[in-house]
Amino acid sequence: TISTFLASYWPEGNLDGLPVMGLARGTYTLMPLWIWIYCLIWWFIQDIFKIVTIRTILKYDLFPFQKPDMHLWKEKAGLQDNPNDP
């Protein structure tokens, strides 16, 4: 909320030779609201993709973190335990 307030009500002036002005100080004062809506929409889209990705990883065991035992890794790779190995 502090960043929204600063971005909305920043005073008119120059910053490093560039003209700057808060988002709500122009003729269209609802710009911060639309930016928040845009961010929330993309947050939901990214969260949905994150959930789908995690469920896919868990369903197909893409990274075998569910079964970290070495004998299961060797089984998956088609290797057999050699009793002579140290």
Protein backbone atom coordinates (compact mmCIF):
# COMPACT_ATOMS: atom_id res chain seq x y z
CA THR A 1 0.00 0.00 0.00
CA ILE A 2 2.89 2.37 0.63
CA SER A 3 4.21 1.85 -2.90
CA THR A 4 0.73 2.45 -4.34
CA PHE A 5 0.41 5.65 -2.34
CA LEU A 6 3.84 6.87 -3.45
CA ALA A 7 3.19 5.97 -7.09
CA SER A 8 -0.21 7.66 -7.00
CA TYR A 9 0.62 10.92 -5.25
CA TRP A 10 4.25 11.54 -6.20
CA PRO A 11 4.70 15.29 -6.75
CA GLU A 12 5.23 16.70 -10.21
CA GLY A 13 8.85 17.38 -11.04
CA ASN A 14 11.98 16.07 -12.72
CA LEU A 15 13.91 13.00 -11.73
CA ASP A 16 17.26 12.56 -13.47
CA GLY A 17 16.12 14.99 -16.15
CA LEU A 18 12.86 13.13 -16.82
CA PRO A 19 9.47 14.59 -15.99
CA VAL A 20 7.61 12.56 -13.35
CA MET A 21 4.14 12.80 -11.85
CA GLY A 22 2.04 10.51 -9.63
CA LEU A 23 -0.47 8.24 -11.34
CA ALA A 24 -3.48 9.86 -9.65
CA ARG A 25 -2.37 13.44 -10.29
CA GLY A 26 -3.24 13.48 -13.98
CA THR A 27 -6.65 13.84 -15.57
CA TYR A 28 -7.41 10.11 -15.14
CA THR A 29 -7.21 9.38 -11.42
CA LEU A 30 -8.28 5.72 -11.55
CA MET A 31 -5.01 4.47 -13.04
CA PRO A 32 -3.79 2.93 -9.72
CA LEU A 33 -7.03 0.94 -9.46
CA TRP A 34 -6.60 -0.51 -12.96
CA ILE A 35 -2.98 -1.40 -12.19
CA TRP A 36 -4.09 -3.26 -9.04
CA ILE A 37 -6.79 -5.11 -11.00
CA TYR A 38 -4.24 -6.04 -13.69
CA CYS A 39 -1.80 -7.34 -11.06
CA LEU A 40 -4.48 -9.36 -9.26
CA ILE A 41 -5.66 -10.97 -12.51
CA TRP A 42 -2.11 -12.04 -13.38
CA TRP A 43 -1.55 -13.21 -9.81
CA PHE A 44 -4.53 -15.59 -10.13
CA ILE A 45 -3.37 -16.82 -13.55
CA GLN A 46 0.14 -17.51 -12.24
CA ASP A 47 -1.22 -19.24 -9.15
CA ILE A 48 -3.43 -21.51 -11.26
CA PHE A 49 -0.42 -22.48 -13.40
CA LYS A 50 1.63 -23.08 -10.25
CA ILE A 51 -1.03 -25.42 -8.83
CA VAL A 52 -1.36 -27.29 -12.14
CA THR A 53 2.43 -27.66 -12.35
CA ILE A 54 2.75 -28.96 -8.78
CA ARG A 55 -0.10 -31.44 -9.28
CA THR A 56 1.46 -32.65 -12.53
CA ILE A 57 4.83 -33.14 -10.83
CA LEU A 58 3.21 -35.07 -7.99
CA LYS A 59 0.96 -37.17 -10.23
CA TYR A 60 3.70 -38.32 -12.60
CA ASP A 61 6.52 -38.20 -10.02
CA LEU A 62 8.65 -36.16 -12.43
CA PHE A 63 11.25 -35.40 -9.78
CA PRO A 64 11.30 -38.41 -7.47
CA PHE A 65 11.33 -36.42 -4.28
CA GLN A 66 8.41 -38.45 -2.92
CA LYS A 67 10.59 -41.57 -2.78
CA PRO A 68 14.10 -40.39 -1.98
CA ASP A 69 15.41 -43.85 -0.99
CA MET A 70 18.40 -44.82 -3.10
CA HIS A 71 17.15 -48.33 -3.85
CA LEU A 72 14.05 -46.85 -5.48
CA TRP A 73 16.21 -44.57 -7.63
CA LYS A 74 18.29 -47.54 -8.73
CA GLU A 75 15.12 -49.52 -9.43
CA LYS A 76 13.81 -46.75 -11.66
CA ALA A 77 17.11 -46.59 -13.52
CA GLY A 78 17.09 -50.36 -14.04
CA LEU A 79 20.17 -50.90 -11.89
CA GLN A 80 20.57 -53.64 -9.31
CA ASP A 81 22.30 -53.39 -5.98
CA ASN A 82 25.74 -55.00 -6.00
CA PRO A 83 26.54 -56.51 -2.60
CA ASN A 84 30.28 -56.01 -3.28
CA ASP A 85 29.91 -52.22 -3.51
CA PRO A 86 31.22 -50.36 -0.45
